[in-house]
Amino acid sequence: MWAEALAAQTEDAVLAQQFAPIAEKMASNEEVVVKELNDAQGVKGELGGYYAPDDALTSALMRPSATLNAIIDLV
């Protein structure tokens, strides 16, 4: 996982320290995140337009895991 790799690297201690809690949260919530992502598969949604989609609608469809979103938003 990308967060684990960043937390484990030794070239940049600040980067490793920043990503260690994120890697831990992702590992401890892996089953929940996978379920949320799997549940979103095949769901039809409205983007608000083809050439100029609505940002809020697109974000809701492209980020279907509330758990993962909360972890990523910590960065």
Protein backbone atom coordinates (compact mmCIF):
# COMPACT_ATOMS: atom_id res chain seq x y z
CA MET A 1 0.00 0.00 0.00
CA TRP A 2 1.31 3.46 -0.85
CA ALA A 3 0.93 4.87 2.67
CA GLU A 4 2.82 1.93 4.18
CA ALA A 5 5.62 2.41 1.66
CA LEU A 6 5.91 6.11 2.50
CA ALA A 7 5.85 5.40 6.23
CA ALA A 8 8.51 2.68 5.88
CA GLN A 9 10.95 4.60 3.69
CA THR A 10 14.08 5.95 5.41
CA GLU A 11 15.20 8.74 3.06
CA ASP A 12 12.81 11.36 4.50
CA ALA A 13 12.01 11.02 8.21
CA VAL A 14 9.43 13.81 8.16
CA LEU A 15 7.54 12.14 5.32
CA ALA A 16 7.67 8.79 7.11
CA GLN A 17 6.35 10.38 10.31
CA GLN A 18 3.54 12.13 8.41
CA PHE A 19 2.34 8.93 6.72
CA ALA A 20 2.72 6.50 9.64
CA PRO A 21 -0.69 7.30 11.20
CA ILE A 22 -2.35 7.24 7.77
CA ALA A 23 -0.88 3.82 7.01
CA GLU A 24 -2.08 2.57 10.38
CA LYS A 25 -5.63 3.88 9.83
CA MET A 26 -5.76 2.42 6.33
CA ALA A 27 -4.57 -0.98 7.55
CA SER A 28 -7.03 -1.08 10.45
CA ASN A 29 -9.95 -0.03 8.21
CA GLU A 30 -9.07 -2.12 5.16
CA GLU A 31 -12.14 -4.39 5.32
CA VAL A 32 -14.53 -1.45 5.70
CA VAL A 33 -12.94 0.47 2.82
CA VAL A 34 -12.96 -2.56 0.51
CA LYS A 35 -16.64 -3.19 1.32
CA GLU A 36 -17.56 0.45 0.65
CA LEU A 37 -15.69 0.42 -2.66
CA ASN A 38 -17.19 -2.92 -3.70
CA ASP A 39 -20.70 -1.72 -2.81
CA ALA A 40 -20.20 1.25 -5.16
CA GLN A 41 -19.39 -0.94 -8.17
CA GLY A 42 -21.98 -0.77 -10.93
CA VAL A 43 -23.97 2.03 -9.32
CA LYS A 44 -25.37 4.50 -11.83
CA GLY A 45 -25.01 8.14 -10.99
CA GLU A 46 -25.63 11.62 -12.28
CA LEU A 47 -22.63 13.81 -13.08
CA GLY A 48 -24.61 16.90 -14.04
CA GLY A 49 -23.37 16.92 -17.62
CA TYR A 50 -20.95 15.22 -19.98
CA TYR A 51 -18.69 18.11 -21.04
CA ALA A 52 -18.97 20.16 -17.85
CA PRO A 53 -19.81 17.80 -14.97
CA ASP A 54 -20.83 19.17 -11.60
CA ASP A 55 -17.88 18.98 -9.19
CA ALA A 56 -19.95 17.93 -6.16
CA LEU A 57 -21.83 15.21 -8.03
CA THR A 58 -18.64 13.90 -9.62
CA SER A 59 -16.80 13.88 -6.31
CA ALA A 60 -19.59 11.92 -4.64
CA LEU A 61 -19.41 9.26 -7.36
CA MET A 62 -15.63 9.14 -7.61
CA ARG A 63 -15.06 9.00 -3.84
CA PRO A 64 -17.63 6.43 -2.67
CA SER A 65 -15.85 5.34 0.53
CA ALA A 66 -16.52 7.71 3.42
CA THR A 67 -13.94 5.86 5.51
CA LEU A 68 -11.19 6.18 2.90
CA ASN A 69 -12.11 9.81 2.25
CA ALA A 70 -11.75 10.65 5.95
CA ILE A 71 -8.32 9.00 6.06
CA ILE A 72 -7.09 10.68 2.86
CA ASP A 73 -8.37 14.05 4.01
CA LEU A 74 -5.94 13.84 6.95
CA VAL A 75 -3.05 14.41 4.53
